[in-house]
Amino acid sequence: MNKTNAIRILEAHKIEFDFAEYEVDENDLSGESVAEKIGASYEEVFKTLVAKGDKTGYCVFCIPVNYELDLKKAAKVSGNKSVELIKVKDLFPLTGYVRGGCSPIGMKKQYPTFIDETSQLFDRIFISAGVRGIQIHLNPNDLKNLLNAEFADLI
């Protein structure tokens, strides 16, 4: 396996993790599909969403794959009056990642990051390793500390 930036960063910080690989179906990049392929519940697999706030600029939200981001809650927790998800075409220039392979770890720039509070119900959660086909499995508190993120009610 080729190490991704996210994996290299976790190793450099000596954060305990493992990973799950899966076959990518370009016609179904849904998080639910990923969860099924790696044998995990939807609630423990987190997708990474990038939004732009009207006051603070770009922010990152990690939520379970079977939920939608509540934009009002996201705005409030990030210090904005409103936030809107960025367009898919803007994802790579901003983060260095593509849809279906966006990790909150190792983006081109570290944006304020918020992780849904339900992550704390699990000893470990899955997040993208930064490429389609690999999910990182790690402790949500380790992720929070690494990213200087906040747990919040986002769904």
C-alpha atoms as a PDB file:
ATOM      1  CA  MET A   1       0.000   0.000   0.000  1.00  0.00           C
ATOM      2  CA  ASN A   2       1.210   3.483  -0.817  1.00  0.00           C
ATOM      3  CA  LYS A   3       1.213   5.646   2.278  1.00  0.00           C
ATOM      4  CA  THR A   4      -1.045   8.660   2.031  1.00  0.00           C
ATOM      5  CA  ASN A   5      -0.291  12.051   3.596  1.00  0.00           C
ATOM      6  CA  ALA A   6      -2.861  11.262   6.288  1.00  0.00           C
ATOM      7  CA  ILE A   7      -1.135   7.982   7.173  1.00  0.00           C
ATOM      8  CA  ARG A   8       2.301   9.641   7.218  1.00  0.00           C
ATOM      9  CA  ILE A   9       0.995  12.359   9.555  1.00  0.00           C
ATOM     10  CA  LEU A  10      -0.525   9.798  11.936  1.00  0.00           C
ATOM     11  CA  GLU A  11       2.747   7.861  12.007  1.00  0.00           C
ATOM     12  CA  ALA A  12       4.777  11.029  12.590  1.00  0.00           C
ATOM     13  CA  HIS A  13       2.575  11.865  15.582  1.00  0.00           C
ATOM     14  CA  LYS A  14       2.747   8.260  16.832  1.00  0.00           C
ATOM     15  CA  ILE A  15      -1.042   7.938  16.790  1.00  0.00           C
ATOM     16  CA  GLU A  16      -2.356   4.388  16.946  1.00  0.00           C
ATOM     17  CA  PHE A  17      -4.471   3.425  13.933  1.00  0.00           C
ATOM     18  CA  ASP A  18      -5.137   0.672  11.472  1.00  0.00           C
ATOM     19  CA  PHE A  19      -6.857   0.760   8.133  1.00  0.00           C
ATOM     20  CA  ALA A  20      -9.337  -1.054   5.951  1.00  0.00           C
ATOM     21  CA  GLU A  21      -9.003  -1.316   2.198  1.00  0.00           C
ATOM     22  CA  TYR A  22     -11.957  -1.771  -0.143  1.00  0.00           C
ATOM     23  CA  GLU A  23     -12.666  -1.960  -3.847  1.00  0.00           C
ATOM     24  CA  VAL A  24     -13.783   1.360  -5.301  1.00  0.00           C
ATOM     25  CA  ASP A  25     -16.902   1.530  -7.467  1.00  0.00           C
ATOM     26  CA  GLU A  26     -16.740   4.822  -9.392  1.00  0.00           C
ATOM     27  CA  ASN A  27     -20.529   4.638  -9.834  1.00  0.00           C
ATOM     28  CA  ASP A  28     -21.162   4.465  -6.075  1.00  0.00           C
ATOM     29  CA  LEU A  29     -18.866   6.587  -3.923  1.00  0.00           C
ATOM     30  CA  SER A  30     -21.419   6.791  -1.103  1.00  0.00           C
ATOM     31  CA  GLY A  31     -20.281   6.424   2.459  1.00  0.00           C
ATOM     32  CA  GLU A  32     -22.921   3.768   3.044  1.00  0.00           C
ATOM     33  CA  SER A  33     -21.351   1.668   0.293  1.00  0.00           C
ATOM     34  CA  VAL A  34     -17.913   2.107   1.890  1.00  0.00           C
ATOM     35  CA  ALA A  35     -19.257   1.077   5.307  1.00  0.00           C
ATOM     36  CA  GLU A  36     -20.786  -2.083   3.836  1.00  0.00           C
ATOM     37  CA  LYS A  37     -17.562  -2.973   2.016  1.00  0.00           C
ATOM     38  CA  ILE A  38     -15.440  -2.689   5.179  1.00  0.00           C
ATOM     39  CA  GLY A  39     -18.037  -4.358   7.408  1.00  0.00           C
ATOM     40  CA  ALA A  40     -18.666  -1.348   9.634  1.00  0.00           C
ATOM     41  CA  SER A  41     -21.882   0.309  10.787  1.00  0.00           C
ATOM     42  CA  TYR A  42     -22.882   3.524   9.041  1.00  0.00           C
ATOM     43  CA  GLU A  43     -22.653   5.376  12.351  1.00  0.00           C
ATOM     44  CA  GLU A  44     -18.937   4.633  12.831  1.00  0.00           C
ATOM     45  CA  VAL A  45     -17.833   5.623   9.312  1.00  0.00           C
ATOM     46  CA  PHE A  46     -17.410   9.396   9.013  1.00  0.00           C
ATOM     47  CA  LYS A  47     -17.434  11.462   5.852  1.00  0.00           C
ATOM     48  CA  THR A  48     -15.486  14.700   5.547  1.00  0.00           C
ATOM     49  CA  LEU A  49     -17.378  17.727   4.274  1.00  0.00           C
ATOM     50  CA  VAL A  50     -15.917  21.133   3.476  1.00  0.00           C
ATOM     51  CA  ALA A  51     -18.058  24.240   3.777  1.00  0.00           C
ATOM     52  CA  LYS A  52     -17.581  27.978   3.565  1.00  0.00           C
ATOM     53  CA  GLY A  53     -18.886  30.237   6.288  1.00  0.00           C
ATOM     54  CA  ASP A  54     -20.013  33.793   5.683  1.00  0.00           C
ATOM     55  CA  LYS A  55     -17.684  35.109   8.413  1.00  0.00           C
ATOM     56  CA  THR A  56     -14.873  32.641   9.090  1.00  0.00           C
ATOM     57  CA  GLY A  57     -14.276  31.149   5.642  1.00  0.00           C
ATOM     58  CA  TYR A  58     -13.658  27.456   5.066  1.00  0.00           C
ATOM     59  CA  CYS A  59     -14.332  24.829   7.717  1.00  0.00           C
ATOM     60  CA  VAL A  60     -14.388  21.047   7.821  1.00  0.00           C
ATOM     61  CA  PHE A  61     -17.117  18.841   9.259  1.00  0.00           C
ATOM     62  CA  CYS A  62     -16.884  15.094   9.936  1.00  0.00           C
ATOM     63  CA  ILE A  63     -20.232  13.343  10.294  1.00  0.00           C
ATOM     64  CA  PRO A  64     -21.541   9.769  10.061  1.00  0.00           C
ATOM     65  CA  VAL A  65     -22.058   8.706   6.440  1.00  0.00           C
ATOM     66  CA  ASN A  66     -25.770   8.060   6.877  1.00  0.00           C
ATOM     67  CA  TYR A  67     -26.570  11.629   7.942  1.00  0.00           C
ATOM     68  CA  GLU A  68     -26.700  15.051   6.338  1.00  0.00           C
ATOM     69  CA  LEU A  69     -24.908  18.030   7.841  1.00  0.00           C
ATOM     70  CA  ASP A  70     -27.318  20.388   9.619  1.00  0.00           C
ATOM     71  CA  LEU A  71     -26.168  23.673   8.102  1.00  0.00           C
ATOM     72  CA  LYS A  72     -27.711  25.774  10.900  1.00  0.00           C
ATOM     73  CA  LYS A  73     -25.879  23.795  13.587  1.00  0.00           C
ATOM     74  CA  ALA A  74     -22.677  23.900  11.509  1.00  0.00           C
ATOM     75  CA  ALA A  75     -22.939  27.682  11.145  1.00  0.00           C
ATOM     76  CA  LYS A  76     -23.523  28.212  14.851  1.00  0.00           C
ATOM     77  CA  VAL A  77     -20.663  25.990  16.041  1.00  0.00           C
ATOM     78  CA  SER A  78     -18.226  27.532  13.522  1.00  0.00           C
ATOM     79  CA  GLY A  79     -19.059  31.151  14.400  1.00  0.00           C
ATOM     80  CA  ASN A  80     -20.970  31.917  11.218  1.00  0.00           C
ATOM     81  CA  LYS A  81     -24.477  33.115  10.401  1.00  0.00           C
ATOM     82  CA  SER A  82     -24.554  30.677   7.491  1.00  0.00           C
ATOM     83  CA  VAL A  83     -22.419  28.011   5.862  1.00  0.00           C
ATOM     84  CA  GLU A  84     -22.770  26.271   2.555  1.00  0.00           C
ATOM     85  CA  LEU A  85     -21.030  23.190   1.259  1.00  0.00           C
ATOM     86  CA  ILE A  86     -18.414  23.891  -1.379  1.00  0.00           C
ATOM     87  CA  LYS A  87     -18.857  22.636  -4.923  1.00  0.00           C
ATOM     88  CA  VAL A  88     -17.174  19.327  -5.777  1.00  0.00           C
ATOM     89  CA  LYS A  89     -15.008  21.092  -8.400  1.00  0.00           C
ATOM     90  CA  ASP A  90     -13.534  23.260  -5.622  1.00  0.00           C
ATOM     91  CA  LEU A  91     -12.643  20.339  -3.343  1.00  0.00           C
ATOM     92  CA  PHE A  92      -9.294  19.364  -4.894  1.00  0.00           C
ATOM     93  CA  PRO A  93      -7.896  22.918  -5.250  1.00  0.00           C
ATOM     94  CA  LEU A  94      -8.764  23.660  -1.596  1.00  0.00           C
ATOM     95  CA  THR A  95      -7.837  20.384   0.069  1.00  0.00           C
ATOM     96  CA  GLY A  96      -5.694  18.334  -2.300  1.00  0.00           C
ATOM     97  CA  TYR A  97      -8.297  15.559  -2.066  1.00  0.00           C
ATOM     98  CA  VAL A  98     -11.021  14.262  -4.385  1.00  0.00           C
ATOM     99  CA  ARG A  99     -14.650  13.372  -3.669  1.00  0.00           C
ATOM    100  CA  GLY A 100     -14.789   9.967  -2.034  1.00  0.00           C
ATOM    101  CA  GLY A 101     -11.225  10.310  -0.773  1.00  0.00           C
ATOM    102  CA  CYS A 102     -11.253  13.475   1.312  1.00  0.00           C
ATOM    103  CA  SER A 103      -9.583  13.134   4.699  1.00  0.00           C
ATOM    104  CA  PRO A 104      -9.662  15.755   7.449  1.00  0.00           C
ATOM    105  CA  ILE A 105      -5.968  14.910   7.996  1.00  0.00           C
ATOM    106  CA  GLY A 106      -3.342  16.368   5.665  1.00  0.00           C
ATOM    107  CA  MET A 107      -5.319  18.928   3.713  1.00  0.00           C
ATOM    108  CA  LYS A 108      -3.314  21.613   1.910  1.00  0.00           C
ATOM    109  CA  LYS A 109      -4.257  23.961   4.755  1.00  0.00           C
ATOM    110  CA  GLN A 110      -5.566  23.179   8.238  1.00  0.00           C
ATOM    111  CA  TYR A 111      -9.111  24.532   8.419  1.00  0.00           C
ATOM    112  CA  PRO A 112     -11.198  24.747  11.595  1.00  0.00           C
ATOM    113  CA  THR A 113     -12.539  21.219  12.033  1.00  0.00           C
ATOM    114  CA  PHE A 114     -15.633  19.926  13.798  1.00  0.00           C
ATOM    115  CA  ILE A 115     -16.380  16.260  14.462  1.00  0.00           C
ATOM    116  CA  ASP A 116     -19.912  15.121  15.221  1.00  0.00           C
ATOM    117  CA  GLU A 117     -20.274  14.353  18.912  1.00  0.00           C
ATOM    118  CA  THR A 118     -21.634  10.847  18.165  1.00  0.00           C
ATOM    119  CA  SER A 119     -18.046   9.847  17.327  1.00  0.00           C
ATOM    120  CA  GLN A 120     -17.431   9.703  21.072  1.00  0.00           C
ATOM    121  CA  LEU A 121     -19.787   6.725  21.329  1.00  0.00           C
ATOM    122  CA  PHE A 122     -17.109   4.580  19.653  1.00  0.00           C
ATOM    123  CA  ASP A 123     -13.626   3.527  20.716  1.00  0.00           C
ATOM    124  CA  ARG A 124     -12.612   3.964  17.084  1.00  0.00           C
ATOM    125  CA  ILE A 125     -14.156   5.508  13.984  1.00  0.00           C
ATOM    126  CA  PHE A 126     -13.318   5.308  10.296  1.00  0.00           C
ATOM    127  CA  ILE A 127     -12.299   8.301   8.196  1.00  0.00           C
ATOM    128  CA  SER A 128     -10.864   8.491   4.704  1.00  0.00           C
ATOM    129  CA  ALA A 129      -7.142   7.946   4.386  1.00  0.00           C
ATOM    130  CA  GLY A 130      -7.029  10.568   1.647  1.00  0.00           C
ATOM    131  CA  VAL A 131      -7.604   8.257  -1.311  1.00  0.00           C
ATOM    132  CA  ARG A 132     -10.551   6.246  -2.491  1.00  0.00           C
ATOM    133  CA  GLY A 133     -10.224   2.652  -1.337  1.00  0.00           C
ATOM    134  CA  ILE A 134      -8.648   3.110   2.120  1.00  0.00           C
ATOM    135  CA  GLN A 135     -10.280   4.027   5.425  1.00  0.00           C
ATOM    136  CA  ILE A 136      -8.285   4.857   8.568  1.00  0.00           C
ATOM    137  CA  HIS A 137      -9.586   3.383  11.835  1.00  0.00           C
ATOM    138  CA  LEU A 138      -8.607   5.489  14.868  1.00  0.00           C
ATOM    139  CA  ASN A 139      -9.741   6.829  18.208  1.00  0.00           C
ATOM    140  CA  PRO A 140     -11.946   9.937  17.806  1.00  0.00           C
ATOM    141  CA  ASN A 141     -10.127  11.734  20.639  1.00  0.00           C
ATOM    142  CA  ASP A 142      -6.798  11.199  18.856  1.00  0.00           C
ATOM    143  CA  LEU A 143      -8.335  12.685  15.702  1.00  0.00           C
ATOM    144  CA  LYS A 144      -9.727  15.640  17.652  1.00  0.00           C
ATOM    145  CA  ASN A 145      -6.381  16.341  19.316  1.00  0.00           C
ATOM    146  CA  LEU A 146      -4.373  15.970  16.106  1.00  0.00           C
ATOM    147  CA  LEU A 147      -6.583  18.434  14.234  1.00  0.00           C
ATOM    148  CA  ASN A 148      -7.234  20.746  17.194  1.00  0.00           C
ATOM    149  CA  ALA A 149     -10.877  20.030  16.364  1.00  0.00           C
ATOM    150  CA  GLU A 150     -14.052  20.309  18.407  1.00  0.00           C
ATOM    151  CA  PHE A 151     -16.755  17.759  19.067  1.00  0.00           C
ATOM    152  CA  ALA A 152     -20.161  19.259  18.256  1.00  0.00           C
ATOM    153  CA  ASP A 153     -23.770  18.404  17.474  1.00  0.00           C
ATOM    154  CA  LEU A 154     -23.764  18.599  13.667  1.00  0.00           C
ATOM    155  CA  ILE A 155     -26.618  16.335  12.572  1.00  0.00           C
END
